[in-house]
Amino acid sequence: ITRVSADEQLREHRTKIIDGISEPVLKSLLDKLLEIEVLSDAEREEIEKEKTRGDKARVLVDMVRRKGNDASSDMIHLLTELDPFFSEHLGLM
């Protein structure tokens, strides 16, 4: 069985994450990614500048994905903790 890398998983589920992530989960995800230093303060501010939940999620997914597999893996792990039902729906668990 070939394991799909975490950044590939984010790319594959990008649209569903953007469309489906809730505002409270997105805020918690940003907090936790900042806490574990996947995001810098400046990057978080850049994401927060976006007007809509969907735009914030889009910038976040693309930013984390560009940071590589470890960052993507951290984000997926946090998302499964914060919203297990949504993560299961996406097939991330």
PDB file of N, CA and C in Angstrom:
ATOM      1  N   ILE A   1       0.852  -1.189   0.000  1.00  0.00           N
ATOM      2  CA  ILE A   1       0.000   0.000   0.000  1.00  0.00           C
ATOM      3  C   ILE A   1       0.893   1.246   0.000  1.00  0.00           C
ATOM      4  N   THR A   2       0.625   2.142  -0.909  1.00  0.00           N
ATOM      5  CA  THR A   2       1.391   3.386  -0.932  1.00  0.00           C
ATOM      6  C   THR A   2       0.700   4.414  -0.048  1.00  0.00           C
ATOM      7  N   ARG A   3       1.480   4.936   0.894  1.00  0.00           N
ATOM      8  CA  ARG A   3       0.947   5.964   1.789  1.00  0.00           C
ATOM      9  C   ARG A   3       1.015   7.304   1.069  1.00  0.00           C
ATOM     10  N   VAL A   4      -0.068   8.027   1.115  1.00  0.00           N
ATOM     11  CA  VAL A   4      -0.085   9.355   0.519  1.00  0.00           C
ATOM     12  C   VAL A   4       0.535  10.318   1.528  1.00  0.00           C
ATOM     13  N   SER A   5       1.472  11.142   1.062  1.00  0.00           N
ATOM     14  CA  SER A   5       2.113  12.085   1.973  1.00  0.00           C
ATOM     15  C   SER A   5       1.094  13.106   2.474  1.00  0.00           C
ATOM     16  N   ALA A   6       1.415  13.701   3.607  1.00  0.00           N
ATOM     17  CA  ALA A   6       0.492  14.650   4.240  1.00  0.00           C
ATOM     18  C   ALA A   6       0.232  15.859   3.340  1.00  0.00           C
ATOM     19  N   ASP A   7       1.277  16.356   2.674  1.00  0.00           N
ATOM     20  CA  ASP A   7       1.044  17.512   1.801  1.00  0.00           C
ATOM     21  C   ASP A   7       0.178  17.127   0.602  1.00  0.00           C
ATOM     22  N   GLU A   8       0.307  15.879   0.136  1.00  0.00           N
ATOM     23  CA  GLU A   8      -0.576  15.382  -0.928  1.00  0.00           C
ATOM     24  C   GLU A   8      -2.019  15.279  -0.431  1.00  0.00           C
ATOM     25  N   GLN A   9      -2.190  14.824   0.817  1.00  0.00           N
ATOM     26  CA  GLN A   9      -3.537  14.737   1.397  1.00  0.00           C
ATOM     27  C   GLN A   9      -4.175  16.119   1.472  1.00  0.00           C
ATOM     28  N   LEU A  10      -3.393  17.117   1.898  1.00  0.00           N
ATOM     29  CA  LEU A  10      -3.931  18.479   1.967  1.00  0.00           C
ATOM     30  C   LEU A  10      -4.316  18.971   0.578  1.00  0.00           C
ATOM     31  N   ARG A  11      -3.465  18.680  -0.406  1.00  0.00           N
ATOM     32  CA  ARG A  11      -3.764  19.102  -1.773  1.00  0.00           C
ATOM     33  C   ARG A  11      -5.032  18.419  -2.271  1.00  0.00           C
ATOM     34  N   GLU A  12      -5.119  17.129  -2.003  1.00  0.00           N
ATOM     35  CA  GLU A  12      -6.251  16.317  -2.452  1.00  0.00           C
ATOM     36  C   GLU A  12      -7.574  16.776  -1.825  1.00  0.00           C
ATOM     37  N   HIS A  13      -7.535  17.178  -0.555  1.00  0.00           N
ATOM     38  CA  HIS A  13      -8.756  17.542   0.173  1.00  0.00           C
ATOM     39  C   HIS A  13      -8.919  19.055   0.327  1.00  0.00           C
ATOM     40  N   ARG A  14      -8.094  19.815  -0.385  1.00  0.00           N
ATOM     41  CA  ARG A  14      -8.051  21.276  -0.255  1.00  0.00           C
ATOM     42  C   ARG A  14      -9.439  21.910  -0.342  1.00  0.00           C
ATOM     43  N   THR A  15     -10.159  21.622  -1.413  1.00  0.00           N
ATOM     44  CA  THR A  15     -11.467  22.252  -1.634  1.00  0.00           C
ATOM     45  C   THR A  15     -12.457  21.891  -0.537  1.00  0.00           C
ATOM     46  N   LYS A  16     -12.463  20.621  -0.131  1.00  0.00           N
ATOM     47  CA  LYS A  16     -13.397  20.191   0.920  1.00  0.00           C
ATOM     48  C   LYS A  16     -13.066  20.852   2.255  1.00  0.00           C
ATOM     49  N   ILE A  17     -11.774  21.012   2.542  1.00  0.00           N
ATOM     50  CA  ILE A  17     -11.373  21.686   3.784  1.00  0.00           C
ATOM     51  C   ILE A  17     -11.822  23.147   3.734  1.00  0.00           C
ATOM     52  N   ILE A  18     -11.542  23.814   2.610  1.00  0.00           N
ATOM     53  CA  ILE A  18     -11.912  25.222   2.453  1.00  0.00           C
ATOM     54  C   ILE A  18     -13.423  25.402   2.602  1.00  0.00           C
ATOM     55  N   ASP A  19     -14.184  24.529   1.967  1.00  0.00           N
ATOM     56  CA  ASP A  19     -15.647  24.645   1.992  1.00  0.00           C
ATOM     57  C   ASP A  19     -16.256  24.237   3.330  1.00  0.00           C
ATOM     58  N   GLY A  20     -15.617  23.294   4.029  1.00  0.00           N
ATOM     59  CA  GLY A  20     -16.278  22.678   5.169  1.00  0.00           C
ATOM     60  C   GLY A  20     -15.793  23.021   6.556  1.00  0.00           C
ATOM     61  N   ILE A  21     -14.601  23.597   6.673  1.00  0.00           N
ATOM     62  CA  ILE A  21     -14.083  23.867   8.015  1.00  0.00           C
ATOM     63  C   ILE A  21     -14.909  24.978   8.675  1.00  0.00           C
ATOM     64  N   SER A  22     -15.235  24.789   9.941  1.00  0.00           N
ATOM     65  CA  SER A  22     -16.045  25.791  10.652  1.00  0.00           C
ATOM     66  C   SER A  22     -15.144  26.905  11.187  1.00  0.00           C
ATOM     67  N   GLU A  23     -15.735  28.055  11.421  1.00  0.00           N
ATOM     68  CA  GLU A  23     -14.997  29.213  11.950  1.00  0.00           C
ATOM     69  C   GLU A  23     -14.307  28.895  13.286  1.00  0.00           C
ATOM     70  N   PRO A  24     -15.004  28.272  14.270  1.00  0.00           N
ATOM     71  CA  PRO A  24     -14.329  27.969  15.545  1.00  0.00           C
ATOM     72  C   PRO A  24     -13.150  27.005  15.381  1.00  0.00           C
ATOM     73  N   VAL A  25     -13.297  25.998  14.527  1.00  0.00           N
ATOM     74  CA  VAL A  25     -12.201  25.045  14.295  1.00  0.00           C
ATOM     75  C   VAL A  25     -11.041  25.751  13.598  1.00  0.00           C
ATOM     76  N   LEU A  26     -11.345  26.600  12.635  1.00  0.00           N
ATOM     77  CA  LEU A  26     -10.304  27.354  11.929  1.00  0.00           C
ATOM     78  C   LEU A  26      -9.518  28.220  12.911  1.00  0.00           C
ATOM     79  N   LYS A  27     -10.212  28.916  13.807  1.00  0.00           N
ATOM     80  CA  LYS A  27      -9.540  29.769  14.807  1.00  0.00           C
ATOM     81  C   LYS A  27      -8.648  28.936  15.730  1.00  0.00           C
ATOM     82  N   SER A  28      -9.160  27.807  16.203  1.00  0.00           N
ATOM     83  CA  SER A  28      -8.365  26.926  17.070  1.00  0.00           C
ATOM     84  C   SER A  28      -7.161  26.370  16.328  1.00  0.00           C
ATOM     85  N   LEU A  29      -7.361  26.013  15.068  1.00  0.00           N
ATOM     86  CA  LEU A  29      -6.275  25.476  14.248  1.00  0.00           C
ATOM     87  C   LEU A  29      -5.173  26.522  14.085  1.00  0.00           C
ATOM     88  N   LEU A  30      -5.548  27.755  13.821  1.00  0.00           N
ATOM     89  CA  LEU A  30      -4.563  28.841  13.708  1.00  0.00           C
ATOM     90  C   LEU A  30      -3.799  29.010  15.018  1.00  0.00           C
ATOM     91  N   ASP A  31      -4.515  29.000  16.148  1.00  0.00           N
ATOM     92  CA  ASP A  31      -3.871  29.130  17.463  1.00  0.00           C
ATOM     93  C   ASP A  31      -2.852  28.020  17.685  1.00  0.00           C
ATOM     94  N   LYS A  32      -3.270  26.797  17.408  1.00  0.00           N
ATOM     95  CA  LYS A  32      -2.406  25.646  17.677  1.00  0.00           C
ATOM     96  C   LYS A  32      -1.211  25.591  16.719  1.00  0.00           C
ATOM     97  N   LEU A  33      -1.415  25.954  15.456  1.00  0.00           N
ATOM     98  CA  LEU A  33      -0.303  25.974  14.497  1.00  0.00           C
ATOM     99  C   LEU A  33       0.709  27.054  14.866  1.00  0.00           C
ATOM    100  N   LEU A  34       0.234  28.150  15.436  1.00  0.00           N
ATOM    101  CA  LEU A  34       1.126  29.203  15.926  1.00  0.00           C
ATOM    102  C   LEU A  34       1.901  28.693  17.144  1.00  0.00           C
ATOM    103  N   GLU A  35       1.185  28.020  18.043  1.00  0.00           N
ATOM    104  CA  GLU A  35       1.763  27.469  19.273  1.00  0.00           C
ATOM    105  C   GLU A  35       2.919  26.507  18.979  1.00  0.00           C
ATOM    106  N   ILE A  36       2.748  25.638  17.980  1.00  0.00           N
ATOM    107  CA  ILE A  36       3.794  24.647  17.671  1.00  0.00           C
ATOM    108  C   ILE A  36       4.756  25.148  16.587  1.00  0.00           C
ATOM    109  N   GLU A  37       4.659  26.436  16.288  1.00  0.00           N
ATOM    110  CA  GLU A  37       5.585  27.134  15.391  1.00  0.00           C
ATOM    111  C   GLU A  37       5.559  26.642  13.948  1.00  0.00           C
ATOM    112  N   VAL A  38       4.407  26.135  13.516  1.00  0.00           N
ATOM    113  CA  VAL A  38       4.233  25.856  12.088  1.00  0.00           C
ATOM    114  C   VAL A  38       3.958  27.189  11.387  1.00  0.00           C
ATOM    115  N   LEU A  39       3.235  28.079  12.082  1.00  0.00           N
ATOM    116  CA  LEU A  39       2.976  29.424  11.568  1.00  0.00           C
ATOM    117  C   LEU A  39       3.701  30.453  12.421  1.00  0.00           C
ATOM    118  N   SER A  40       4.149  31.521  11.772  1.00  0.00           N
ATOM    119  CA  SER A  40       4.710  32.661  12.506  1.00  0.00           C
ATOM    120  C   SER A  40       3.580  33.650  12.791  1.00  0.00           C
ATOM    121  N   ASP A  41       3.864  34.618  13.646  1.00  0.00           N
ATOM    122  CA  ASP A  41       2.874  35.667  13.928  1.00  0.00           C
ATOM    123  C   ASP A  41       2.486  36.396  12.641  1.00  0.00           C
ATOM    124  N   ALA A  42       3.480  36.698  11.815  1.00  0.00           N
ATOM    125  CA  ALA A  42       3.225  37.422  10.563  1.00  0.00           C
ATOM    126  C   ALA A  42       2.335  36.601   9.628  1.00  0.00           C
ATOM    127  N   GLU A  43       2.596  35.301   9.548  1.00  0.00           N
ATOM    128  CA  GLU A  43       1.779  34.440   8.689  1.00  0.00           C
ATOM    129  C   GLU A  43       0.343  34.369   9.198  1.00  0.00           C
ATOM    130  N   ARG A  44       0.202  34.271  10.496  1.00  0.00           N
ATOM    131  CA  ARG A  44      -1.146  34.229  11.066  1.00  0.00           C
ATOM    132  C   ARG A  44      -1.888  35.531  10.765  1.00  0.00           C
ATOM    133  N   GLU A  45      -1.191  36.656  10.909  1.00  0.00           N
ATOM    134  CA  GLU A  45      -1.804  37.956  10.614  1.00  0.00           C
ATOM    135  C   GLU A  45      -2.228  38.034   9.152  1.00  0.00           C
ATOM    136  N   GLU A  46      -1.393  37.500   8.268  1.00  0.00           N
ATOM    137  CA  GLU A  46      -1.713  37.478   6.835  1.00  0.00           C
ATOM    138  C   GLU A  46      -3.014  36.701   6.589  1.00  0.00           C
ATOM    139  N   ILE A  47      -3.160  35.575   7.270  1.00  0.00           N
ATOM    140  CA  ILE A  47      -4.368  34.750   7.136  1.00  0.00           C
ATOM    141  C   ILE A  47      -5.578  35.497   7.703  1.00  0.00           C
ATOM    142  N   GLU A  48      -5.399  36.128   8.858  1.00  0.00           N
ATOM    143  CA  GLU A  48      -6.495  36.839   9.526  1.00  0.00           C
ATOM    144  C   GLU A  48      -7.004  38.034   8.717  1.00  0.00           C
ATOM    145  N   LYS A  49      -6.155  38.579   7.825  1.00  0.00           N
ATOM    146  CA  LYS A  49      -6.561  39.714   6.987  1.00  0.00           C
ATOM    147  C   LYS A  49      -7.658  39.335   5.998  1.00  0.00           C
ATOM    148  N   GLU A  50      -7.718  38.058   5.656  1.00  0.00           N
ATOM    149  CA  GLU A  50      -8.736  37.605   4.702  1.00  0.00           C
ATOM    150  C   GLU A  50     -10.123  37.832   5.287  1.00  0.00           C
ATOM    151  N   LYS A  51     -11.063  38.197   4.429  1.00  0.00           N
ATOM    152  CA  LYS A  51     -12.407  38.591   4.883  1.00  0.00           C
ATOM    153  C   LYS A  51     -13.281  37.399   5.282  1.00  0.00           C
ATOM    154  N   THR A  52     -13.264  36.346   4.487  1.00  0.00           N
ATOM    155  CA  THR A  52     -14.201  35.243   4.725  1.00  0.00           C
ATOM    156  C   THR A  52     -13.503  34.025   5.316  1.00  0.00           C
ATOM    157  N   ARG A  53     -14.286  33.185   5.948  1.00  0.00           N
ATOM    158  CA  ARG A  53     -13.777  31.927   6.508  1.00  0.00           C
ATOM    159  C   ARG A  53     -13.107  31.111   5.403  1.00  0.00           C
ATOM    160  N   GLY A  54     -13.764  31.029   4.252  1.00  0.00           N
ATOM    161  CA  GLY A  54     -13.226  30.246   3.137  1.00  0.00           C
ATOM    162  C   GLY A  54     -11.892  30.766   2.637  1.00  0.00           C
ATOM    163  N   ASP A  55     -11.768  32.093   2.547  1.00  0.00           N
ATOM    164  CA  ASP A  55     -10.503  32.681   2.095  1.00  0.00           C
ATOM    165  C   ASP A  55      -9.391  32.438   3.113  1.00  0.00           C
ATOM    166  N   LYS A  56      -9.725  32.538   4.402  1.00  0.00           N
ATOM    167  CA  LYS A  56      -8.737  32.252   5.454  1.00  0.00           C
ATOM    168  C   LYS A  56      -8.274  30.802   5.348  1.00  0.00           C
ATOM    169  N   ALA A  57      -9.234  29.900   5.176  1.00  0.00           N
ATOM    170  CA  ALA A  57      -8.906  28.474   5.075  1.00  0.00           C
ATOM    171  C   ALA A  57      -8.045  28.206   3.844  1.00  0.00           C
ATOM    172  N   ARG A  58      -8.366  28.856   2.731  1.00  0.00           N
ATOM    173  CA  ARG A  58      -7.608  28.676   1.483  1.00  0.00           C
ATOM    174  C   ARG A  58      -6.151  29.091   1.673  1.00  0.00           C
ATOM    175  N   VAL A  59      -5.948  30.279   2.241  1.00  0.00           N
ATOM    176  CA  VAL A  59      -4.589  30.780   2.464  1.00  0.00           C
ATOM    177  C   VAL A  59      -3.844  29.859   3.433  1.00  0.00           C
ATOM    178  N   LEU A  60      -4.521  29.419   4.488  1.00  0.00           N
ATOM    179  CA  LEU A  60      -3.901  28.528   5.473  1.00  0.00           C
ATOM    180  C   LEU A  60      -3.463  27.206   4.841  1.00  0.00           C
ATOM    181  N   VAL A  61      -4.362  26.547   4.134  1.00  0.00           N
ATOM    182  CA  VAL A  61      -4.038  25.245   3.531  1.00  0.00           C
ATOM    183  C   VAL A  61      -2.854  25.392   2.579  1.00  0.00           C
ATOM    184  N   ASP A  62      -2.884  26.403   1.723  1.00  0.00           N
ATOM    185  CA  ASP A  62      -1.804  26.584   0.745  1.00  0.00           C
ATOM    186  C   ASP A  62      -0.485  26.932   1.424  1.00  0.00           C
ATOM    187  N   MET A  63      -0.542  27.761   2.457  1.00  0.00           N
ATOM    188  CA  MET A  63       0.660  28.169   3.182  1.00  0.00           C
ATOM    189  C   MET A  63       1.307  26.957   3.873  1.00  0.00           C
ATOM    190  N   VAL A  64       0.495  26.171   4.561  1.00  0.00           N
ATOM    191  CA  VAL A  64       1.018  25.004   5.280  1.00  0.00           C
ATOM    192  C   VAL A  64       1.535  23.961   4.286  1.00  0.00           C
ATOM    193  N   ARG A  65       0.809  23.744   3.215  1.00  0.00           N
ATOM    194  CA  ARG A  65       1.211  22.749   2.216  1.00  0.00           C
ATOM    195  C   ARG A  65       2.582  23.092   1.625  1.00  0.00           C
ATOM    196  N   ARG A  66       2.825  24.371   1.379  1.00  0.00           N
ATOM    197  CA  ARG A  66       4.117  24.803   0.819  1.00  0.00           C
ATOM    198  C   ARG A  66       5.267  24.601   1.801  1.00  0.00           C
ATOM    199  N   LYS A  67       4.954  24.466   3.088  1.00  0.00           N
ATOM    200  CA  LYS A  67       5.996  24.255   4.098  1.00  0.00           C
ATOM    201  C   LYS A  67       6.468  22.800   4.140  1.00  0.00           C
ATOM    202  N   GLY A  68       5.781  21.933   3.407  1.00  0.00           N
ATOM    203  CA  GLY A  68       6.246  20.555   3.319  1.00  0.00           C
ATOM    204  C   GLY A  68       5.441  19.566   4.135  1.00  0.00           C
ATOM    205  N   ASN A  69       5.955  18.344   4.141  1.00  0.00           N
ATOM    206  CA  ASN A  69       5.221  17.222   4.705  1.00  0.00           C
ATOM    207  C   ASN A  69       5.046  17.301   6.222  1.00  0.00           C
ATOM    208  N   ASP A  70       6.081  17.738   6.945  1.00  0.00           N
ATOM    209  CA  ASP A  70       5.982  17.799   8.412  1.00  0.00           C
ATOM    210  C   ASP A  70       4.906  18.789   8.851  1.00  0.00           C
ATOM    211  N   ALA A  71       4.915  19.976   8.250  1.00  0.00           N
ATOM    212  CA  ALA A  71       3.913  20.991   8.587  1.00  0.00           C
ATOM    213  C   ALA A  71       2.518  20.501   8.211  1.00  0.00           C
ATOM    214  N   SER A  72       2.404  19.882   7.047  1.00  0.00           N
ATOM    215  CA  SER A  72       1.110  19.357   6.592  1.00  0.00           C
ATOM    216  C   SER A  72       0.611  18.274   7.534  1.00  0.00           C
ATOM    217  N   SER A  73       1.517  17.414   7.967  1.00  0.00           N
ATOM    218  CA  SER A  73       1.179  16.342   8.893  1.00  0.00           C
ATOM    219  C   SER A  73       0.696  16.914  10.226  1.00  0.00           C
ATOM    220  N   ASP A  74       1.382  17.957  10.718  1.00  0.00           N
ATOM    221  CA  ASP A  74       0.965  18.624  11.959  1.00  0.00           C
ATOM    222  C   ASP A  74      -0.447  19.183  11.817  1.00  0.00           C
ATOM    223  N   MET A  75      -0.724  19.815  10.681  1.00  0.00           N
ATOM    224  CA  MET A  75      -2.048  20.406  10.475  1.00  0.00           C
ATOM    225  C   MET A  75      -3.132  19.334  10.426  1.00  0.00           C
ATOM    226  N   ILE A  76      -2.867  18.243   9.728  1.00  0.00           N
ATOM    227  CA  ILE A  76      -3.845  17.151   9.638  1.00  0.00           C
ATOM    228  C   ILE A  76      -4.102  16.565  11.026  1.00  0.00           C
ATOM    229  N   HIS A  77      -3.029  16.346  11.783  1.00  0.00           N
ATOM    230  CA  HIS A  77      -3.159  15.804  13.141  1.00  0.00           C
ATOM    231  C   HIS A  77      -4.029  16.717  14.009  1.00  0.00           C
ATOM    232  N   LEU A  78      -3.762  18.017  13.962  1.00  0.00           N
ATOM    233  CA  LEU A  78      -4.542  18.977  14.754  1.00  0.00           C
ATOM    234  C   LEU A  78      -5.997  19.009  14.300  1.00  0.00           C
ATOM    235  N   LEU A  79      -6.214  18.951  12.997  1.00  0.00           N
ATOM    236  CA  LEU A  79      -7.578  18.966  12.468  1.00  0.00           C
ATOM    237  C   LEU A  79      -8.355  17.738  12.935  1.00  0.00           C
ATOM    238  N   THR A  80      -7.694  16.577  12.977  1.00  0.00           N
ATOM    239  CA  THR A  80      -8.382  15.364  13.439  1.00  0.00           C
ATOM    240  C   THR A  80      -8.711  15.457  14.930  1.00  0.00           C
ATOM    241  N   GLU A  81      -7.865  16.150  15.703  1.00  0.00           N
ATOM    242  CA  GLU A  81      -8.145  16.364  17.131  1.00  0.00           C
ATOM    243  C   GLU A  81      -9.286  17.351  17.334  1.00  0.00           C
ATOM    244  N   LEU A  82      -9.258  18.446  16.577  1.00  0.00           N
ATOM    245  CA  LEU A  82     -10.229  19.531  16.758  1.00  0.00           C
ATOM    246  C   LEU A  82     -11.608  19.191  16.206  1.00  0.00           C
ATOM    247  N   ASP A  83     -11.644  18.451  15.104  1.00  0.00           N
ATOM    248  CA  ASP A  83     -12.926  18.124  14.474  1.00  0.00           C
ATOM    249  C   ASP A  83     -12.885  16.708  13.903  1.00  0.00           C
ATOM    250  N   PRO A  84     -12.985  15.700  14.798  1.00  0.00           N
ATOM    251  CA  PRO A  84     -12.888  14.305  14.354  1.00  0.00           C
ATOM    252  C   PRO A  84     -13.948  13.928  13.317  1.00  0.00           C
ATOM    253  N   PHE A  85     -15.158  14.437  13.472  1.00  0.00           N
ATOM    254  CA  PHE A  85     -16.228  14.083  12.536  1.00  0.00           C
ATOM    255  C   PHE A  85     -15.905  14.587  11.131  1.00  0.00           C
ATOM    256  N   PHE A  86     -15.511  15.850  11.027  1.00  0.00           N
ATOM    257  CA  PHE A  86     -15.154  16.446   9.736  1.00  0.00           C
ATOM    258  C   PHE A  86     -13.956  15.721   9.125  1.00  0.00           C
ATOM    259  N   SER A  87     -12.951  15.417   9.957  1.00  0.00           N
ATOM    260  CA  SER A  87     -11.746  14.731   9.481  1.00  0.00           C
ATOM    261  C   SER A  87     -12.070  13.344   8.952  1.00  0.00           C
ATOM    262  N   GLU A  88     -12.961  12.661   9.640  1.00  0.00           N
ATOM    263  CA  GLU A  88     -13.379  11.330   9.199  1.00  0.00           C
ATOM    264  C   GLU A  88     -14.133  11.438   7.876  1.00  0.00           C
ATOM    265  N   HIS A  89     -14.990  12.442   7.769  1.00  0.00           N
ATOM    266  CA  HIS A  89     -15.744  12.706   6.541  1.00  0.00           C
ATOM    267  C   HIS A  89     -14.790  12.939   5.359  1.00  0.00           C
ATOM    268  N   LEU A  90     -13.673  13.615   5.623  1.00  0.00           N
ATOM    269  CA  LEU A  90     -12.684  13.882   4.576  1.00  0.00           C
ATOM    270  C   LEU A  90     -11.834  12.653   4.262  1.00  0.00           C
ATOM    271  N   GLY A  91     -11.833  11.688   5.174  1.00  0.00           N
ATOM    272  CA  GLY A  91     -10.983  10.517   4.993  1.00  0.00           C
ATOM    273  C   GLY A  91      -9.570  10.738   5.490  1.00  0.00           C
ATOM    274  N   LEU A  92      -9.399  11.664   6.429  1.00  0.00           N
ATOM    275  CA  LEU A  92      -8.075  11.953   6.980  1.00  0.00           C
ATOM    276  C   LEU A  92      -7.722  11.038   8.143  1.00  0.00           C
ATOM    277  N   MET A  93      -8.721  10.301   8.645  1.00  0.00           N
ATOM    278  CA  MET A  93      -8.471   9.436   9.809  1.00  0.00           C
ATOM    279  C   MET A  93      -8.483   7.982   9.388  1.00  0.00           C
TER     280      MET A  93
END
